[in-house]
Amino acid sequence: MAKVILEFDSIEEQVELRAALDGVRWSIVVYEIDQIMRSTTKNGASVLGKEEASDIELSVAEKYRELIREIMEEHNLKLE
C-alpha cells in the first residue's frame, strides 16, 4: 500500500491543509448534488419537493449537470 505524506509548515497554510483533508468530502457533496439533479432529469422529480418538476427545473438541472462536468473536466477530475 502506498503512503502519502502531506507537510504544511505554517499557520498560513491551514487553508491548504483543510482543502487537502476535505477533498473526499467535497467530492461526495458534488456527487450528491449531481444525483439530485439526475433524479430531476431522469424521473421528473422536483428538487424542492415531491411534486413533478417543471420544465424550467428540468432544463436548469440538465444545464447544471453539464456545467459540473465541464468544470470538473477542466480540472482533470471525474465525478464517478
Protein backbone atom coordinates (compact mmCIF):
# COMPACT_ATOMS: atom_id res chain seq x y z
CA MET A 1 0.00 0.00 0.00
CA ALA A 2 1.33 3.43 -0.94
CA LYS A 3 1.96 6.10 1.65
CA VAL A 4 1.50 9.81 1.09
CA ILE A 5 2.80 12.41 3.50
CA LEU A 6 1.44 15.95 3.39
CA GLU A 7 3.52 18.63 5.03
CA PHE A 8 2.31 22.10 5.92
CA ASP A 9 4.84 24.31 7.65
CA SER A 10 2.87 27.22 8.99
CA ILE A 11 -0.41 28.54 10.29
CA GLU A 12 -0.80 30.43 6.98
CA GLU A 13 -1.06 27.09 5.18
CA GLN A 14 -4.11 25.99 7.19
CA VAL A 15 -6.43 26.67 4.24
CA GLU A 16 -4.38 24.34 2.03
CA LEU A 17 -4.29 21.71 4.78
CA ARG A 18 -8.06 21.85 5.24
CA ALA A 19 -8.58 21.59 1.45
CA ALA A 20 -6.30 18.55 1.30
CA LEU A 21 -8.09 16.84 4.16
CA ASP A 22 -11.60 17.66 2.91
CA GLY A 23 -11.12 16.64 -0.73
CA VAL A 24 -13.11 13.41 -0.45
CA ARG A 25 -15.94 15.12 1.39
CA TRP A 26 -16.14 17.79 -1.32
CA SER A 27 -16.39 15.09 -3.99
CA ILE A 28 -19.22 13.45 -2.04
CA VAL A 29 -21.11 16.76 -1.82
CA VAL A 30 -20.77 17.39 -5.57
CA TYR A 31 -21.82 13.79 -6.30
CA GLU A 32 -24.92 14.10 -4.11
CA ILE A 33 -25.92 17.38 -5.80
CA ASP A 34 -25.43 15.75 -9.19
CA GLN A 35 -27.59 12.79 -8.17
CA ILE A 36 -30.42 15.10 -7.05
CA MET A 37 -30.31 16.85 -10.42
CA ARG A 38 -30.11 13.47 -12.17
CA SER A 39 -33.27 12.40 -10.40
CA THR A 40 -34.94 15.56 -11.69
CA THR A 41 -33.87 14.99 -15.29
CA LYS A 42 -34.46 11.22 -15.29
CA ASN A 43 -37.58 10.85 -13.17
CA GLY A 44 -39.06 14.34 -13.39
CA ALA A 45 -38.95 14.71 -9.59
CA SER A 46 -38.83 18.26 -8.31
CA VAL A 47 -35.72 19.20 -6.36
CA LEU A 48 -37.84 21.22 -3.95
CA GLY A 49 -40.42 18.62 -3.10
CA LYS A 50 -42.29 15.51 -4.12
CA GLU A 51 -44.28 17.10 -6.92
CA GLU A 52 -43.40 16.82 -10.57
CA ALA A 53 -40.58 19.03 -11.81
CA SER A 54 -41.47 21.97 -14.02
CA ASP A 55 -39.98 22.38 -17.48
CA ILE A 56 -37.74 25.11 -16.06
CA GLU A 57 -36.45 22.80 -13.29
CA LEU A 58 -35.74 20.06 -15.83
CA SER A 59 -33.83 22.46 -18.05
CA VAL A 60 -31.85 24.00 -15.18
CA ALA A 61 -30.95 20.60 -13.70
CA GLU A 62 -29.71 19.37 -17.08
CA LYS A 63 -27.66 22.53 -17.72
CA TYR A 64 -26.05 22.47 -14.27
CA ARG A 65 -25.18 18.80 -14.58
CA GLU A 66 -23.42 19.65 -17.83
CA LEU A 67 -21.68 22.62 -16.20
CA ILE A 68 -20.43 20.50 -13.29
CA ARG A 69 -18.90 18.03 -15.74
CA GLU A 70 -17.30 20.79 -17.84
CA ILE A 71 -15.71 22.39 -14.79
CA MET A 72 -14.50 19.06 -13.47
CA GLU A 73 -13.04 18.17 -16.87
CA GLU A 74 -11.15 21.48 -16.93
CA HIS A 75 -9.56 20.44 -13.62
CA ASN A 76 -8.96 16.85 -14.75
CA LEU A 77 -11.45 15.43 -12.25
CA LYS A 78 -14.09 12.73 -12.60
CA LEU A 79 -17.33 12.50 -10.66
CA GLU A 80 -17.79 8.74 -10.71
